[in-house]
Amino acid sequence: MRASLEGLRRQFPGFHAVAYFNRLIDLTTRHRQETEMETERLRTAQYQAERTLEARERAHRQRVKGLEEQVHTYTHTHTQCTLEARERAHRQCVKGLEEQLIFPPYTHSHG
C-alpha cells in the first residue's frame, strides 16, 4: 500500500496530488457513511420484521387457543346432548314398559 502511495505521489506531484488524495479521502468517507446508513437501515428493517413475526406468532397462538376452546366446548356440549338423549330414550322406554305392566294390552279371547 505504501508503495502505491509513493507511486501516486510521484505520478501526481504538488497540488494535484493533494487534491487527488483529498478527493479520495472524501469518497472513502462518503462510502463509509453510506455503508453505515445502509447497515442501520437493514438493522431497523430486521428489528421491524422480528416484531411483526412475533405479533403474528402471538395472534396465531391466540387463534389456536380459541379454536381449541371451541373444540372443547363443542365436545362437551355434544357429550352432554348425547347423554341427555340417551337418558330421555331410557326414560321413555321404562315408561312404556311400566305402562304395559300396569295396563297390559287388551286381548280378546274368542272361545
C-alpha atoms as a PDB file:
ATOM      1  CA  MET A   1       0.000   0.000   0.000  1.00  0.00           C
ATOM      2  CA  ARG A   2       2.823   2.357   0.920  1.00  0.00           C
ATOM      3  CA  ALA A   3       4.492   1.676  -2.406  1.00  0.00           C
ATOM      4  CA  SER A   4       1.226   2.543  -4.170  1.00  0.00           C
ATOM      5  CA  LEU A   5       1.017   5.862  -2.363  1.00  0.00           C
ATOM      6  CA  GLU A   6       4.633   6.663  -3.225  1.00  0.00           C
ATOM      7  CA  GLY A   7       3.918   5.846  -6.830  1.00  0.00           C
ATOM      8  CA  LEU A   8       0.856   8.115  -6.829  1.00  0.00           C
ATOM      9  CA  ARG A   9       2.844  10.948  -5.257  1.00  0.00           C
ATOM     10  CA  ARG A  10       5.439  10.675  -7.998  1.00  0.00           C
ATOM     11  CA  GLN A  11       2.701  10.462 -10.586  1.00  0.00           C
ATOM     12  CA  PHE A  12       0.742  13.468  -9.242  1.00  0.00           C
ATOM     13  CA  PRO A  13       3.245  15.962  -7.875  1.00  0.00           C
ATOM     14  CA  GLY A  14       2.286  19.058  -5.916  1.00  0.00           C
ATOM     15  CA  PHE A  15      -1.178  20.497  -5.731  1.00  0.00           C
ATOM     16  CA  HIS A  16      -2.781  17.879  -7.957  1.00  0.00           C
ATOM     17  CA  ALA A  17      -1.628  15.120  -5.662  1.00  0.00           C
ATOM     18  CA  VAL A  18      -3.094  16.834  -2.591  1.00  0.00           C
ATOM     19  CA  ALA A  19      -6.388  17.445  -4.406  1.00  0.00           C
ATOM     20  CA  TYR A  20      -6.460  13.848  -5.597  1.00  0.00           C
ATOM     21  CA  PHE A  21      -5.821  12.461  -2.124  1.00  0.00           C
ATOM     22  CA  ASN A  22      -8.399  14.800  -0.564  1.00  0.00           C
ATOM     23  CA  ARG A  23     -10.924  13.645  -3.153  1.00  0.00           C
ATOM     24  CA  LEU A  24     -10.014  10.024  -2.400  1.00  0.00           C
ATOM     25  CA  ILE A  25     -10.492  10.645   1.341  1.00  0.00           C
ATOM     26  CA  ASP A  26     -13.867  12.338   0.685  1.00  0.00           C
ATOM     27  CA  LEU A  27     -15.060   9.443  -1.467  1.00  0.00           C
ATOM     28  CA  THR A  28     -13.892   6.887   1.082  1.00  0.00           C
ATOM     29  CA  THR A  29     -15.580   8.804   3.912  1.00  0.00           C
ATOM     30  CA  ARG A  30     -18.817   9.128   1.943  1.00  0.00           C
ATOM     31  CA  HIS A  31     -18.722   5.423   1.079  1.00  0.00           C
ATOM     32  CA  ARG A  32     -18.197   4.528   4.750  1.00  0.00           C
ATOM     33  CA  GLN A  33     -21.106   6.794   5.798  1.00  0.00           C
ATOM     34  CA  GLU A  34     -23.371   5.281   3.143  1.00  0.00           C
ATOM     35  CA  THR A  35     -22.389   1.795   4.281  1.00  0.00           C
ATOM     36  CA  GLU A  36     -23.131   2.716   7.909  1.00  0.00           C
ATOM     37  CA  MET A  37     -26.503   4.198   6.927  1.00  0.00           C
ATOM     38  CA  GLU A  38     -27.378   1.087   4.911  1.00  0.00           C
ATOM     39  CA  THR A  39     -26.323  -1.129   7.819  1.00  0.00           C
ATOM     40  CA  GLU A  40     -28.539   0.867  10.185  1.00  0.00           C
ATOM     41  CA  ARG A  41     -31.437   0.709   7.711  1.00  0.00           C
ATOM     42  CA  LEU A  42     -31.038  -3.068   7.488  1.00  0.00           C
ATOM     43  CA  ARG A  43     -30.885  -3.384  11.291  1.00  0.00           C
ATOM     44  CA  THR A  44     -34.076  -1.351  11.600  1.00  0.00           C
ATOM     45  CA  ALA A  45     -35.794  -3.431   8.920  1.00  0.00           C
ATOM     46  CA  GLN A  46     -34.710  -6.649  10.651  1.00  0.00           C
ATOM     47  CA  TYR A  47     -35.969  -5.347  14.018  1.00  0.00           C
ATOM     48  CA  GLN A  48     -39.331  -4.437  12.477  1.00  0.00           C
ATOM     49  CA  ALA A  49     -39.569  -7.817  10.734  1.00  0.00           C
ATOM     50  CA  GLU A  50     -38.849  -9.599  14.021  1.00  0.00           C
ATOM     51  CA  ARG A  51     -41.545  -7.545  15.821  1.00  0.00           C
ATOM     52  CA  THR A  52     -44.023  -8.302  13.024  1.00  0.00           C
ATOM     53  CA  LEU A  53     -43.203 -12.003  13.190  1.00  0.00           C
ATOM     54  CA  GLU A  54     -43.623 -12.040  16.972  1.00  0.00           C
ATOM     55  CA  ALA A  55     -47.005 -10.310  16.642  1.00  0.00           C
ATOM     56  CA  ARG A  56     -48.124 -12.827  14.014  1.00  0.00           C
ATOM     57  CA  GLU A  57     -46.974 -15.716  16.194  1.00  0.00           C
ATOM     58  CA  ARG A  58     -48.916 -14.283  19.168  1.00  0.00           C
ATOM     59  CA  ALA A  59     -52.016 -13.869  17.020  1.00  0.00           C
ATOM     60  CA  HIS A  60     -51.612 -17.416  15.708  1.00  0.00           C
ATOM     61  CA  ARG A  61     -51.254 -18.840  19.227  1.00  0.00           C
ATOM     62  CA  GLN A  62     -54.365 -16.921  20.338  1.00  0.00           C
ATOM     63  CA  ARG A  63     -56.296 -18.201  17.317  1.00  0.00           C
ATOM     64  CA  VAL A  64     -55.212 -21.790  18.029  1.00  0.00           C
ATOM     65  CA  LYS A  65     -56.191 -21.385  21.688  1.00  0.00           C
ATOM     66  CA  GLY A  66     -59.598 -20.030  20.662  1.00  0.00           C
ATOM     67  CA  LEU A  67     -60.148 -22.925  18.270  1.00  0.00           C
ATOM     68  CA  GLU A  68     -59.075 -25.422  20.938  1.00  0.00           C
ATOM     69  CA  GLU A  69     -61.602 -23.867  23.331  1.00  0.00           C
ATOM     70  CA  GLN A  70     -64.305 -24.120  20.668  1.00  0.00           C
ATOM     71  CA  VAL A  71     -63.487 -27.782  20.109  1.00  0.00           C
ATOM     72  CA  HIS A  72     -63.560 -28.419  23.856  1.00  0.00           C
ATOM     73  CA  THR A  73     -66.902 -26.616  24.200  1.00  0.00           C
ATOM     74  CA  TYR A  74     -68.348 -28.482  21.205  1.00  0.00           C
ATOM     75  CA  THR A  75     -67.113 -31.829  22.530  1.00  0.00           C
ATOM     76  CA  HIS A  76     -68.502 -31.123  25.989  1.00  0.00           C
ATOM     77  CA  THR A  77     -71.839 -29.935  24.574  1.00  0.00           C
ATOM     78  CA  HIS A  78     -72.042 -32.910  22.209  1.00  0.00           C
ATOM     79  CA  THR A  79     -71.318 -35.311  25.075  1.00  0.00           C
ATOM     80  CA  GLN A  80     -73.971 -33.648  27.249  1.00  0.00           C
ATOM     81  CA  CYS A  81     -76.539 -33.792  24.448  1.00  0.00           C
ATOM     82  CA  THR A  82     -75.749 -37.442  23.768  1.00  0.00           C
ATOM     83  CA  LEU A  83     -76.120 -38.320  27.458  1.00  0.00           C
ATOM     84  CA  GLU A  84     -79.358 -36.364  27.748  1.00  0.00           C
ATOM     85  CA  ALA A  85     -80.749 -38.029  24.622  1.00  0.00           C
ATOM     86  CA  ARG A  86     -79.853 -41.460  25.989  1.00  0.00           C
ATOM     87  CA  GLU A  87     -81.453 -40.618  29.343  1.00  0.00           C
ATOM     88  CA  ARG A  88     -84.670 -39.424  27.617  1.00  0.00           C
ATOM     89  CA  ALA A  89     -84.770 -42.540  25.458  1.00  0.00           C
ATOM     90  CA  HIS A  90     -84.178 -44.701  28.532  1.00  0.00           C
ATOM     91  CA  ARG A  91     -86.935 -42.921  30.499  1.00  0.00           C
ATOM     92  CA  GLN A  92     -89.366 -43.284  27.586  1.00  0.00           C
ATOM     93  CA  CYS A  93     -88.539 -46.953  27.278  1.00  0.00           C
ATOM     94  CA  VAL A  94     -89.008 -47.514  31.007  1.00  0.00           C
ATOM     95  CA  LYS A  95     -92.249 -45.520  30.971  1.00  0.00           C
ATOM     96  CA  GLY A  96     -93.523 -47.619  28.078  1.00  0.00           C
ATOM     97  CA  LEU A  97     -92.657 -50.840  29.928  1.00  0.00           C
ATOM     98  CA  GLU A  98     -94.333 -49.604  33.109  1.00  0.00           C
ATOM     99  CA  GLU A  99     -97.478 -48.719  31.196  1.00  0.00           C
ATOM    100  CA  GLN A 100     -97.548 -52.155  29.615  1.00  0.00           C
ATOM    101  CA  LEU A 101     -97.150 -53.786  33.014  1.00  0.00           C
ATOM    102  CA  ILE A 102     -99.852 -51.674  34.632  1.00  0.00           C
ATOM    103  CA  PHE A 103    -102.189 -51.667  31.676  1.00  0.00           C
ATOM    104  CA  PRO A 104    -101.454 -54.728  29.625  1.00  0.00           C
ATOM    105  CA  PRO A 105    -102.831 -54.623  26.106  1.00  0.00           C
ATOM    106  CA  TYR A 106    -106.403 -55.884  25.914  1.00  0.00           C
ATOM    107  CA  THR A 107    -106.632 -59.134  24.129  1.00  0.00           C
ATOM    108  CA  HIS A 108    -109.885 -60.706  23.063  1.00  0.00           C
ATOM    109  CA  SER A 109    -110.268 -64.319  23.603  1.00  0.00           C
ATOM    110  CA  HIS A 110    -112.576 -65.955  21.211  1.00  0.00           C
ATOM    111  CA  GLY A 111    -113.733 -69.016  22.618  1.00  0.00           C
END
